[in-house]
Amino acid sequence: MRFLAISLCAIAVLPATSHAQQSAPLKPQGPTIQAAAVGFRVSEAKVDASTKVASTALVQRHQGQDVALMAVGVGAMIAGALITGTAGTIIIIGGAAMALYGLYHYLE
């Protein structure tokens, strides 16, 4: 039994010691994001500083807080549906208001 266990360990270690598991350096293959883009492309040399500032301002809109408001609002609506009575209704209305507020700022 020991001989079988030692043999299995040796077989498992053998490819690593013989460099059989090392791959050749990876070359980019297949489709790329640049190839999938549709439309005109502007090279970095033609973009001036004002265009870069305007484009980064649009990308960095801090949408995480808006998405969090929507998620917490939906969670509150689910919790309110599980809670019976007037308290559950109030929690549902509050959750709906929170989710709609987050959606408004997300779409703005």
PDB file of N, CA and C in Angstrom:
ATOM      1  N   MET A   1       0.823  -1.187   0.000  1.00  0.00           N
ATOM      2  CA  MET A   1       0.000   0.000   0.000  1.00  0.00           C
ATOM      3  C   MET A   1       0.872   1.257   0.000  1.00  0.00           C
ATOM      4  N   ARG A   2       1.990   1.194   0.763  1.00  0.00           N
ATOM      5  CA  ARG A   2       2.885   2.346   0.784  1.00  0.00           C
ATOM      6  C   ARG A   2       3.519   2.555  -0.579  1.00  0.00           C
ATOM      7  N   PHE A   3       3.854   1.456  -1.217  1.00  0.00           N
ATOM      8  CA  PHE A   3       4.470   1.556  -2.538  1.00  0.00           C
ATOM      9  C   PHE A   3       3.520   2.239  -3.522  1.00  0.00           C
ATOM     10  N   LEU A   4       2.235   1.933  -3.439  1.00  0.00           N
ATOM     11  CA  LEU A   4       1.231   2.554  -4.305  1.00  0.00           C
ATOM     12  C   LEU A   4       1.117   4.047  -4.020  1.00  0.00           C
ATOM     13  N   ALA A   5       1.114   4.440  -2.744  1.00  0.00           N
ATOM     14  CA  ALA A   5       1.014   5.848  -2.383  1.00  0.00           C
ATOM     15  C   ALA A   5       2.249   6.618  -2.837  1.00  0.00           C
ATOM     16  N   ILE A   6       3.436   6.035  -2.661  1.00  0.00           N
ATOM     17  CA  ILE A   6       4.674   6.694  -3.091  1.00  0.00           C
ATOM     18  C   ILE A   6       4.703   6.805  -4.617  1.00  0.00           C
ATOM     19  N   SER A   7       4.210   5.794  -5.302  1.00  0.00           N
ATOM     20  CA  SER A   7       4.173   5.828  -6.764  1.00  0.00           C
ATOM     21  C   SER A   7       3.237   6.927  -7.262  1.00  0.00           C
ATOM     22  N   LEU A   8       2.092   7.080  -6.629  1.00  0.00           N
ATOM     23  CA  LEU A   8       1.153   8.127  -7.024  1.00  0.00           C
ATOM     24  C   LEU A   8       1.743   9.516  -6.789  1.00  0.00           C
ATOM     25  N   CYS A   9       2.445   9.706  -5.663  1.00  0.00           N
ATOM     26  CA  CYS A   9       3.094  10.998  -5.401  1.00  0.00           C
ATOM     27  C   CYS A   9       4.175  11.274  -6.429  1.00  0.00           C
ATOM     28  N   ALA A  10       4.928  10.251  -6.803  1.00  0.00           N
ATOM     29  CA  ALA A  10       5.984  10.427  -7.796  1.00  0.00           C
ATOM     30  C   ALA A  10       5.398  10.779  -9.155  1.00  0.00           C
ATOM     31  N   ILE A  11       4.303  10.145  -9.509  1.00  0.00           N
ATOM     32  CA  ILE A  11       3.651  10.442 -10.783  1.00  0.00           C
ATOM     33  C   ILE A  11       3.089  11.865 -10.773  1.00  0.00           C
ATOM     34  N   ALA A  12       2.607  12.310  -9.633  1.00  0.00           N
ATOM     35  CA  ALA A  12       2.063  13.673  -9.542  1.00  0.00           C
ATOM     36  C   ALA A  12       3.159  14.719  -9.623  1.00  0.00           C
ATOM     37  N   VAL A  13       4.351  14.429  -9.095  1.00  0.00           N
ATOM     38  CA  VAL A  13       5.447  15.391  -9.071  1.00  0.00           C
ATOM     39  C   VAL A  13       6.248  15.349 -10.367  1.00  0.00           C
ATOM     40  N   LEU A  14       6.234  14.247 -11.082  1.00  0.00           N
ATOM     41  CA  LEU A  14       7.052  14.061 -12.273  1.00  0.00           C
ATOM     42  C   LEU A  14       6.841  15.133 -13.342  1.00  0.00           C
ATOM     43  N   PRO A  15       5.585  15.524 -13.707  1.00  0.00           N
ATOM     44  CA  PRO A  15       5.447  16.567 -14.737  1.00  0.00           C
ATOM     45  C   PRO A  15       6.038  17.911 -14.304  1.00  0.00           C
ATOM     46  N   ALA A  16       5.960  18.247 -13.039  1.00  0.00           N
ATOM     47  CA  ALA A  16       6.496  19.525 -12.578  1.00  0.00           C
ATOM     48  C   ALA A  16       8.018  19.536 -12.641  1.00  0.00           C
ATOM     49  N   THR A  17       8.640  18.404 -12.343  1.00  0.00           N
ATOM     50  CA  THR A  17      10.104  18.359 -12.369  1.00  0.00           C
ATOM     51  C   THR A  17      10.654  18.261 -13.783  1.00  0.00           C
ATOM     52  N   SER A  18       9.869  17.747 -14.713  1.00  0.00           N
ATOM     53  CA  SER A  18      10.350  17.629 -16.091  1.00  0.00           C
ATOM     54  C   SER A  18       9.941  18.829 -16.938  1.00  0.00           C
ATOM     55  N   HIS A  19       9.396  19.855 -16.329  1.00  0.00           N
ATOM     56  CA  HIS A  19       8.970  21.080 -16.998  1.00  0.00           C
ATOM     57  C   HIS A  19       7.927  20.808 -18.082  1.00  0.00           C
ATOM     58  N   ALA A  20       7.140  19.779 -17.892  1.00  0.00           N
ATOM     59  CA  ALA A  20       6.133  19.448 -18.883  1.00  0.00           C
ATOM     60  C   ALA A  20       4.926  20.377 -18.777  1.00  0.00           C
ATOM     61  N   GLN A  21       4.743  20.998 -17.627  1.00  0.00           N
ATOM     62  CA  GLN A  21       3.579  21.845 -17.435  1.00  0.00           C
ATOM     63  C   GLN A  21       3.826  23.299 -17.803  1.00  0.00           C
ATOM     64  N   GLN A  22       5.032  23.652 -18.189  1.00  0.00           N
ATOM     65  CA  GLN A  22       5.299  25.035 -18.551  1.00  0.00           C
ATOM     66  C   GLN A  22       4.833  25.274 -19.973  1.00  0.00           C
ATOM     67  N   SER A  23       4.174  26.397 -20.157  1.00  0.00           N
ATOM     68  CA  SER A  23       3.664  26.711 -21.480  1.00  0.00           C
ATOM     69  C   SER A  23       4.562  27.735 -22.152  1.00  0.00           C
ATOM     70  N   ALA A  24       4.384  27.831 -23.438  1.00  0.00           N
ATOM     71  CA  ALA A  24       5.130  28.824 -24.205  1.00  0.00           C
ATOM     72  C   ALA A  24       4.601  30.209 -23.845  1.00  0.00           C
ATOM     73  N   PRO A  25       5.386  31.253 -24.073  1.00  0.00           N
ATOM     74  CA  PRO A  25       4.889  32.599 -23.794  1.00  0.00           C
ATOM     75  C   PRO A  25       3.600  32.858 -24.564  1.00  0.00           C
ATOM     76  N   LEU A  26       2.639  33.453 -23.867  1.00  0.00           N
ATOM     77  CA  LEU A  26       1.331  33.673 -24.467  1.00  0.00           C
ATOM     78  C   LEU A  26       1.373  34.828 -25.450  1.00  0.00           C
ATOM     79  N   LYS A  27       0.789  34.594 -26.594  1.00  0.00           N
ATOM     80  CA  LYS A  27       0.622  35.643 -27.591  1.00  0.00           C
ATOM     81  C   LYS A  27      -0.868  35.935 -27.660  1.00  0.00           C
ATOM     82  N   PRO A  28      -1.227  37.198 -27.861  1.00  0.00           N
ATOM     83  CA  PRO A  28      -2.661  37.503 -27.945  1.00  0.00           C
ATOM     84  C   PRO A  28      -3.296  36.786 -29.116  1.00  0.00           C
ATOM     85  N   GLN A  29      -4.289  36.000 -28.844  1.00  0.00           N
ATOM     86  CA  GLN A  29      -4.979  35.261 -29.888  1.00  0.00           C
ATOM     87  C   GLN A  29      -6.460  35.529 -29.772  1.00  0.00           C
ATOM     88  N   GLY A  30      -7.144  35.390 -30.857  1.00  0.00           N
ATOM     89  CA  GLY A  30      -8.578  35.538 -30.853  1.00  0.00           C
ATOM     90  C   GLY A  30      -9.002  36.993 -30.934  1.00  0.00           C
ATOM     91  N   PRO A  31     -10.290  37.244 -30.726  1.00  0.00           N
ATOM     92  CA  PRO A  31     -10.805  38.603 -30.854  1.00  0.00           C
ATOM     93  C   PRO A  31     -10.321  39.499 -29.715  1.00  0.00           C
ATOM     94  N   THR A  32     -10.129  40.760 -30.028  1.00  0.00           N
ATOM     95  CA  THR A  32      -9.729  41.738 -29.031  1.00  0.00           C
ATOM     96  C   THR A  32     -10.802  42.815 -28.921  1.00  0.00           C
ATOM     97  N   ILE A  33     -10.731  43.595 -27.885  1.00  0.00           N
ATOM     98  CA  ILE A  33     -11.706  44.668 -27.698  1.00  0.00           C
ATOM     99  C   ILE A  33     -11.535  45.723 -28.793  1.00  0.00           C
ATOM    100  N   GLN A  34     -10.296  45.985 -29.186  1.00  0.00           N
ATOM    101  CA  GLN A  34     -10.069  46.971 -30.230  1.00  0.00           C
ATOM    102  C   GLN A  34     -10.677  46.521 -31.554  1.00  0.00           C
ATOM    103  N   ALA A  35     -10.587  45.236 -31.845  1.00  0.00           N
ATOM    104  CA  ALA A  35     -11.150  44.732 -33.095  1.00  0.00           C
ATOM    105  C   ALA A  35     -12.680  44.714 -33.051  1.00  0.00           C
ATOM    106  N   ALA A  36     -13.260  44.613 -31.869  1.00  0.00           N
ATOM    107  CA  ALA A  36     -14.710  44.550 -31.744  1.00  0.00           C
ATOM    108  C   ALA A  36     -15.361  45.927 -31.753  1.00  0.00           C
ATOM    109  N   ALA A  37     -14.567  46.997 -31.633  1.00  0.00           N
ATOM    110  CA  ALA A  37     -15.124  48.342 -31.602  1.00  0.00           C
ATOM    111  C   ALA A  37     -15.690  48.710 -32.970  1.00  0.00           C
ATOM    112  N   VAL A  38     -16.838  49.350 -32.937  1.00  0.00           N
ATOM    113  CA  VAL A  38     -17.491  49.781 -34.161  1.00  0.00           C
ATOM    114  C   VAL A  38     -17.468  51.303 -34.191  1.00  0.00           C
ATOM    115  N   GLY A  39     -17.098  51.872 -35.297  1.00  0.00           N
ATOM    116  CA  GLY A  39     -17.115  53.321 -35.427  1.00  0.00           C
ATOM    117  C   GLY A  39     -15.720  53.874 -35.619  1.00  0.00           C
ATOM    118  N   PHE A  40     -15.621  55.174 -35.459  1.00  0.00           N
ATOM    119  CA  PHE A  40     -14.351  55.858 -35.658  1.00  0.00           C
ATOM    120  C   PHE A  40     -13.496  55.751 -34.413  1.00  0.00           C
ATOM    121  N   ARG A  41     -12.203  55.709 -34.623  1.00  0.00           N
ATOM    122  CA  ARG A  41     -11.269  55.678 -33.507  1.00  0.00           C
ATOM    123  C   ARG A  41     -10.425  56.937 -33.544  1.00  0.00           C
ATOM    124  N   VAL A  42     -10.218  57.532 -32.384  1.00  0.00           N
ATOM    125  CA  VAL A  42      -9.388  58.720 -32.274  1.00  0.00           C
ATOM    126  C   VAL A  42      -8.090  58.294 -31.615  1.00  0.00           C
ATOM    127  N   SER A  43      -6.986  58.597 -32.255  1.00  0.00           N
ATOM    128  CA  SER A  43      -5.713  58.230 -31.666  1.00  0.00           C
ATOM    129  C   SER A  43      -5.421  59.137 -30.479  1.00  0.00           C
ATOM    130  N   GLU A  44      -4.593  58.647 -29.569  1.00  0.00           N
ATOM    131  CA  GLU A  44      -4.256  59.400 -28.365  1.00  0.00           C
ATOM    132  C   GLU A  44      -3.520  60.698 -28.686  1.00  0.00           C
ATOM    133  N   ALA A  45      -2.790  60.740 -29.808  1.00  0.00           N
ATOM    134  CA  ALA A  45      -2.034  61.934 -30.160  1.00  0.00           C
ATOM    135  C   ALA A  45      -2.962  63.091 -30.548  1.00  0.00           C
ATOM    136  N   LYS A  46      -4.139  62.798 -31.074  1.00  0.00           N
ATOM    137  CA  LYS A  46      -5.055  63.838 -31.519  1.00  0.00           C
ATOM    138  C   LYS A  46      -5.975  64.353 -30.418  1.00  0.00           C
ATOM    139  N   VAL A  47      -5.993  63.725 -29.283  1.00  0.00           N
ATOM    140  CA  VAL A  47      -6.874  64.117 -28.194  1.00  0.00           C
ATOM    141  C   VAL A  47      -6.177  65.179 -27.356  1.00  0.00           C
ATOM    142  N   ASP A  48      -6.832  66.316 -27.180  1.00  0.00           N
ATOM    143  CA  ASP A  48      -6.224  67.366 -26.366  1.00  0.00           C
ATOM    144  C   ASP A  48      -6.640  67.206 -24.907  1.00  0.00           C
ATOM    145  N   ALA A  49      -6.139  68.044 -24.046  1.00  0.00           N
ATOM    146  CA  ALA A  49      -6.353  67.916 -22.602  1.00  0.00           C
ATOM    147  C   ALA A  49      -7.803  68.136 -22.220  1.00  0.00           C
ATOM    148  N   SER A  50      -8.518  69.040 -22.880  1.00  0.00           N
ATOM    149  CA  SER A  50      -9.911  69.311 -22.508  1.00  0.00           C
ATOM    150  C   SER A  50     -10.807  68.117 -22.828  1.00  0.00           C
ATOM    151  N   THR A  51     -10.517  67.407 -23.891  1.00  0.00           N
ATOM    152  CA  THR A  51     -11.308  66.221 -24.226  1.00  0.00           C
ATOM    153  C   THR A  51     -11.082  65.123 -23.201  1.00  0.00           C
ATOM    154  N   LYS A  52      -9.840  64.958 -22.750  1.00  0.00           N
ATOM    155  CA  LYS A  52      -9.553  63.931 -21.750  1.00  0.00           C
ATOM    156  C   LYS A  52     -10.257  64.231 -20.438  1.00  0.00           C
ATOM    157  N   VAL A  53     -10.280  65.492 -20.022  1.00  0.00           N
ATOM    158  CA  VAL A  53     -10.935  65.866 -18.772  1.00  0.00           C
ATOM    159  C   VAL A  53     -12.430  65.634 -18.875  1.00  0.00           C
ATOM    160  N   ALA A  54     -13.037  65.989 -20.002  1.00  0.00           N
ATOM    161  CA  ALA A  54     -14.466  65.811 -20.179  1.00  0.00           C
ATOM    162  C   ALA A  54     -14.844  64.337 -20.206  1.00  0.00           C
ATOM    163  N   SER A  55     -14.029  63.507 -20.853  1.00  0.00           N
ATOM    164  CA  SER A  55     -14.363  62.092 -20.929  1.00  0.00           C
ATOM    165  C   SER A  55     -14.189  61.391 -19.586  1.00  0.00           C
ATOM    166  N   THR A  56     -13.177  61.774 -18.808  1.00  0.00           N
ATOM    167  CA  THR A  56     -13.000  61.143 -17.506  1.00  0.00           C
ATOM    168  C   THR A  56     -14.062  61.589 -16.525  1.00  0.00           C
ATOM    169  N   ALA A  57     -14.581  62.798 -16.686  1.00  0.00           N
ATOM    170  CA  ALA A  57     -15.649  63.250 -15.795  1.00  0.00           C
ATOM    171  C   ALA A  57     -16.918  62.447 -16.028  1.00  0.00           C
ATOM    172  N   LEU A  58     -17.170  62.050 -17.275  1.00  0.00           N
ATOM    173  CA  LEU A  58     -18.357  61.254 -17.559  1.00  0.00           C
ATOM    174  C   LEU A  58     -18.211  59.826 -17.046  1.00  0.00           C
ATOM    175  N   VAL A  59     -17.016  59.296 -17.072  1.00  0.00           N
ATOM    176  CA  VAL A  59     -16.801  57.917 -16.650  1.00  0.00           C
ATOM    177  C   VAL A  59     -16.877  57.797 -15.133  1.00  0.00           C
ATOM    178  N   GLN A  60     -16.359  58.763 -14.403  1.00  0.00           N
ATOM    179  CA  GLN A  60     -16.279  58.696 -12.944  1.00  0.00           C
ATOM    180  C   GLN A  60     -17.461  59.410 -12.308  1.00  0.00           C
ATOM    181  N   ARG A  61     -18.648  58.836 -12.435  1.00  0.00           N
ATOM    182  CA  ARG A  61     -19.852  59.485 -11.924  1.00  0.00           C
ATOM    183  C   ARG A  61     -20.261  58.996 -10.548  1.00  0.00           C
ATOM    184  N   HIS A  62     -19.515  58.137  -9.936  1.00  0.00           N
ATOM    185  CA  HIS A  62     -19.824  57.606  -8.609  1.00  0.00           C
ATOM    186  C   HIS A  62     -21.213  56.977  -8.578  1.00  0.00           C
ATOM    187  N   GLN A  63     -21.438  56.020  -9.442  1.00  0.00           N
ATOM    188  CA  GLN A  63     -22.734  55.361  -9.513  1.00  0.00           C
ATOM    189  C   GLN A  63     -22.895  54.288  -8.454  1.00  0.00           C
ATOM    190  N   GLY A  64     -21.862  53.988  -7.711  1.00  0.00           N
ATOM    191  CA  GLY A  64     -21.954  52.939  -6.708  1.00  0.00           C
ATOM    192  C   GLY A  64     -22.954  53.248  -5.621  1.00  0.00           C
ATOM    193  N   GLN A  65     -23.011  54.500  -5.192  1.00  0.00           N
ATOM    194  CA  GLN A  65     -23.953  54.879  -4.140  1.00  0.00           C
ATOM    195  C   GLN A  65     -25.391  54.780  -4.640  1.00  0.00           C
ATOM    196  N   ASP A  66     -25.616  55.135  -5.895  1.00  0.00           N
ATOM    197  CA  ASP A  66     -26.967  55.051  -6.452  1.00  0.00           C
ATOM    198  C   ASP A  66     -27.430  53.601  -6.567  1.00  0.00           C
ATOM    199  N   VAL A  67     -26.526  52.744  -6.990  1.00  0.00           N
ATOM    200  CA  VAL A  67     -26.865  51.318  -7.096  1.00  0.00           C
ATOM    201  C   VAL A  67     -27.112  50.734  -5.709  1.00  0.00           C
ATOM    202  N   ALA A  68     -26.333  51.177  -4.734  1.00  0.00           N
ATOM    203  CA  ALA A  68     -26.531  50.698  -3.368  1.00  0.00           C
ATOM    204  C   ALA A  68     -27.886  51.145  -2.833  1.00  0.00           C
ATOM    205  N   LEU A  69     -28.287  52.375  -3.128  1.00  0.00           N
ATOM    206  CA  LEU A  69     -29.612  52.840  -2.695  1.00  0.00           C
ATOM    207  C   LEU A  69     -30.718  51.993  -3.307  1.00  0.00           C
ATOM    208  N   MET A  70     -30.576  51.652  -4.584  1.00  0.00           N
ATOM    209  CA  MET A  70     -31.590  50.812  -5.222  1.00  0.00           C
ATOM    210  C   MET A  70     -31.633  49.423  -4.590  1.00  0.00           C
ATOM    211  N   ALA A  71     -30.472  48.845  -4.327  1.00  0.00           N
ATOM    212  CA  ALA A  71     -30.423  47.501  -3.756  1.00  0.00           C
ATOM    213  C   ALA A  71     -30.984  47.471  -2.349  1.00  0.00           C
ATOM    214  N   VAL A  72     -30.641  48.455  -1.540  1.00  0.00           N
ATOM    215  CA  VAL A  72     -31.161  48.502  -0.171  1.00  0.00           C
ATOM    216  C   VAL A  72     -32.658  48.771  -0.185  1.00  0.00           C
ATOM    217  N   GLY A  73     -33.113  49.593  -1.117  1.00  0.00           N
ATOM    218  CA  GLY A  73     -34.544  49.860  -1.229  1.00  0.00           C
ATOM    219  C   GLY A  73     -35.336  48.616  -1.583  1.00  0.00           C
ATOM    220  N   VAL A  74     -34.819  47.830  -2.524  1.00  0.00           N
ATOM    221  CA  VAL A  74     -35.507  46.584  -2.889  1.00  0.00           C
ATOM    222  C   VAL A  74     -35.467  45.598  -1.734  1.00  0.00           C
ATOM    223  N   GLY A  75     -34.334  45.567  -1.031  1.00  0.00           N
ATOM    224  CA  GLY A  75     -34.249  44.699   0.145  1.00  0.00           C
ATOM    225  C   GLY A  75     -35.242  45.092   1.220  1.00  0.00           C
ATOM    226  N   ALA A  76     -35.416  46.396   1.421  1.00  0.00           N
ATOM    227  CA  ALA A  76     -36.400  46.865   2.402  1.00  0.00           C
ATOM    228  C   ALA A  76     -37.815  46.514   1.963  1.00  0.00           C
ATOM    229  N   MET A  77     -38.063  46.567   0.661  1.00  0.00           N
ATOM    230  CA  MET A  77     -39.399  46.186   0.185  1.00  0.00           C
ATOM    231  C   MET A  77     -39.666  44.706   0.422  1.00  0.00           C
ATOM    232  N   ILE A  78     -38.663  43.878   0.225  1.00  0.00           N
ATOM    233  CA  ILE A  78     -38.827  42.444   0.481  1.00  0.00           C
ATOM    234  C   ILE A  78     -39.030  42.190   1.967  1.00  0.00           C
ATOM    235  N   ALA A  79     -38.235  42.875   2.796  1.00  0.00           N
ATOM    236  CA  ALA A  79     -38.398  42.710   4.241  1.00  0.00           C
ATOM    237  C   ALA A  79     -39.764  43.202   4.692  1.00  0.00           C
ATOM    238  N   GLY A  80     -40.232  44.295   4.109  1.00  0.00           N
ATOM    239  CA  GLY A  80     -41.557  44.806   4.455  1.00  0.00           C
ATOM    240  C   GLY A  80     -42.662  43.862   4.039  1.00  0.00           C
ATOM    241  N   ALA A  81     -42.457  43.136   2.943  1.00  0.00           N
ATOM    242  CA  ALA A  81     -43.463  42.164   2.512  1.00  0.00           C
ATOM    243  C   ALA A  81     -43.530  40.985   3.474  1.00  0.00           C
ATOM    244  N   LEU A  82     -42.397  40.669   4.119  1.00  0.00           N
ATOM    245  CA  LEU A  82     -42.392  39.557   5.077  1.00  0.00           C
ATOM    246  C   LEU A  82     -42.960  39.971   6.429  1.00  0.00           C
ATOM    247  N   ILE A  83     -42.881  41.257   6.744  1.00  0.00           N
ATOM    248  CA  ILE A  83     -43.405  41.766   8.018  1.00  0.00           C
ATOM    249  C   ILE A  83     -44.877  42.097   7.821  1.00  0.00           C
ATOM    250  N   THR A  84     -45.695  41.605   8.692  1.00  0.00           N
ATOM    251  CA  THR A  84     -47.131  41.817   8.540  1.00  0.00           C
ATOM    252  C   THR A  84     -47.571  43.078   9.259  1.00  0.00           C
ATOM    253  N   GLY A  85     -48.714  43.576   8.854  1.00  0.00           N
ATOM    254  CA  GLY A  85     -49.320  44.706   9.540  1.00  0.00           C
ATOM    255  C   GLY A  85     -48.876  46.049   8.972  1.00  0.00           C
ATOM    256  N   THR A  86     -49.154  47.074   9.784  1.00  0.00           N
ATOM    257  CA  THR A  86     -48.854  48.441   9.378  1.00  0.00           C
ATOM    258  C   THR A  86     -47.353  48.684   9.268  1.00  0.00           C
ATOM    259  N   ALA A  87     -46.577  48.067  10.134  1.00  0.00           N
ATOM    260  CA  ALA A  87     -45.129  48.256  10.093  1.00  0.00           C
ATOM    261  C   ALA A  87     -44.548  47.759   8.773  1.00  0.00           C
ATOM    262  N   GLY A  88     -45.033  46.640   8.282  1.00  0.00           N
ATOM    263  CA  GLY A  88     -44.571  46.114   7.005  1.00  0.00           C
ATOM    264  C   GLY A  88     -44.918  47.038   5.844  1.00  0.00           C
ATOM    265  N   THR A  89     -46.107  47.620   5.906  1.00  0.00           N
ATOM    266  CA  THR A  89     -46.515  48.555   4.856  1.00  0.00           C
ATOM    267  C   THR A  89     -45.630  49.796   4.845  1.00  0.00           C
ATOM    268  N   ILE A  90     -45.318  50.307   6.023  1.00  0.00           N
ATOM    269  CA  ILE A  90     -44.452  51.491   6.116  1.00  0.00           C
ATOM    270  C   ILE A  90     -43.059  51.175   5.584  1.00  0.00           C
ATOM    271  N   ILE A  91     -42.543  49.981   5.901  1.00  0.00           N
ATOM    272  CA  ILE A  91     -41.221  49.597   5.423  1.00  0.00           C
ATOM    273  C   ILE A  91     -41.225  49.421   3.908  1.00  0.00           C
ATOM    274  N   ILE A  92     -42.302  48.876   3.344  1.00  0.00           N
ATOM    275  CA  ILE A  92     -42.401  48.735   1.889  1.00  0.00           C
ATOM    276  C   ILE A  92     -42.394  50.104   1.223  1.00  0.00           C
ATOM    277  N   ILE A  93     -43.161  51.050   1.754  1.00  0.00           N
ATOM    278  CA  ILE A  93     -43.229  52.388   1.163  1.00  0.00           C
ATOM    279  C   ILE A  93     -41.875  53.092   1.276  1.00  0.00           C
ATOM    280  N   GLY A  94     -41.219  52.947   2.423  1.00  0.00           N
ATOM    281  CA  GLY A  94     -39.896  53.548   2.589  1.00  0.00           C
ATOM    282  C   GLY A  94     -38.871  52.934   1.648  1.00  0.00           C
ATOM    283  N   GLY A  95     -38.910  51.618   1.481  1.00  0.00           N
ATOM    284  CA  GLY A  95     -38.001  50.939   0.562  1.00  0.00           C
ATOM    285  C   GLY A  95     -38.245  51.346  -0.884  1.00  0.00           C
ATOM    286  N   ALA A  96     -39.512  51.493  -1.246  1.00  0.00           N
ATOM    287  CA  ALA A  96     -39.834  51.919  -2.605  1.00  0.00           C
ATOM    288  C   ALA A  96     -39.330  53.337  -2.856  1.00  0.00           C
ATOM    289  N   ALA A  97     -39.486  54.211  -1.856  1.00  0.00           N
ATOM    290  CA  ALA A  97     -38.994  55.582  -2.004  1.00  0.00           C
ATOM    291  C   ALA A  97     -37.476  55.600  -2.144  1.00  0.00           C
ATOM    292  N   MET A  98     -36.792  54.794  -1.352  1.00  0.00           N
ATOM    293  CA  MET A  98     -35.335  54.739  -1.419  1.00  0.00           C
ATOM    294  C   MET A  98     -34.875  54.194  -2.768  1.00  0.00           C
ATOM    295  N   ALA A  99     -35.517  53.150  -3.264  1.00  0.00           N
ATOM    296  CA  ALA A  99     -35.144  52.566  -4.548  1.00  0.00           C
ATOM    297  C   ALA A  99     -35.399  53.547  -5.685  1.00  0.00           C
ATOM    298  N   LEU A 100     -36.519  54.259  -5.643  1.00  0.00           N
ATOM    299  CA  LEU A 100     -36.816  55.229  -6.685  1.00  0.00           C
ATOM    300  C   LEU A 100     -35.855  56.414  -6.646  1.00  0.00           C
ATOM    301  N   TYR A 101     -35.454  56.832  -5.456  1.00  0.00           N
ATOM    302  CA  TYR A 101     -34.477  57.915  -5.315  1.00  0.00           C
ATOM    303  C   TYR A 101     -33.126  57.497  -5.907  1.00  0.00           C
ATOM    304  N   GLY A 102     -32.702  56.269  -5.622  1.00  0.00           N
ATOM    305  CA  GLY A 102     -31.471  55.760  -6.199  1.00  0.00           C
ATOM    306  C   GLY A 102     -31.561  55.632  -7.714  1.00  0.00           C
ATOM    307  N   LEU A 103     -32.714  55.183  -8.212  1.00  0.00           N
ATOM    308  CA  LEU A 103     -32.902  55.062  -9.652  1.00  0.00           C
ATOM    309  C   LEU A 103     -32.879  56.421 -10.322  1.00  0.00           C
ATOM    310  N   TYR A 104     -33.481  57.431  -9.690  1.00  0.00           N
ATOM    311  CA  TYR A 104     -33.500  58.782 -10.249  1.00  0.00           C
ATOM    312  C   TYR A 104     -32.077  59.315 -10.394  1.00  0.00           C
ATOM    313  N   HIS A 105     -31.273  59.169  -9.344  1.00  0.00           N
ATOM    314  CA  HIS A 105     -29.908  59.660  -9.420  1.00  0.00           C
ATOM    315  C   HIS A 105     -29.030  58.807 -10.342  1.00  0.00           C
ATOM    316  N   TYR A 106     -29.334  57.537 -10.464  1.00  0.00           N
ATOM    317  CA  TYR A 106     -28.585  56.658 -11.372  1.00  0.00           C
ATOM    318  C   TYR A 106     -28.827  57.063 -12.820  1.00  0.00           C
ATOM    319  N   LEU A 107     -30.069  57.392 -13.153  1.00  0.00           N
ATOM    320  CA  LEU A 107     -30.408  57.744 -14.528  1.00  0.00           C
ATOM    321  C   LEU A 107     -30.104  59.202 -14.860  1.00  0.00           C
ATOM    322  N   GLU A 108     -29.840  59.988 -13.869  1.00  0.00           N
ATOM    323  CA  GLU A 108     -29.579  61.418 -14.077  1.00  0.00           C
ATOM    324  C   GLU A 108     -28.274  61.687 -14.741  1.00  0.00           C
TER     325      GLU A 108
END
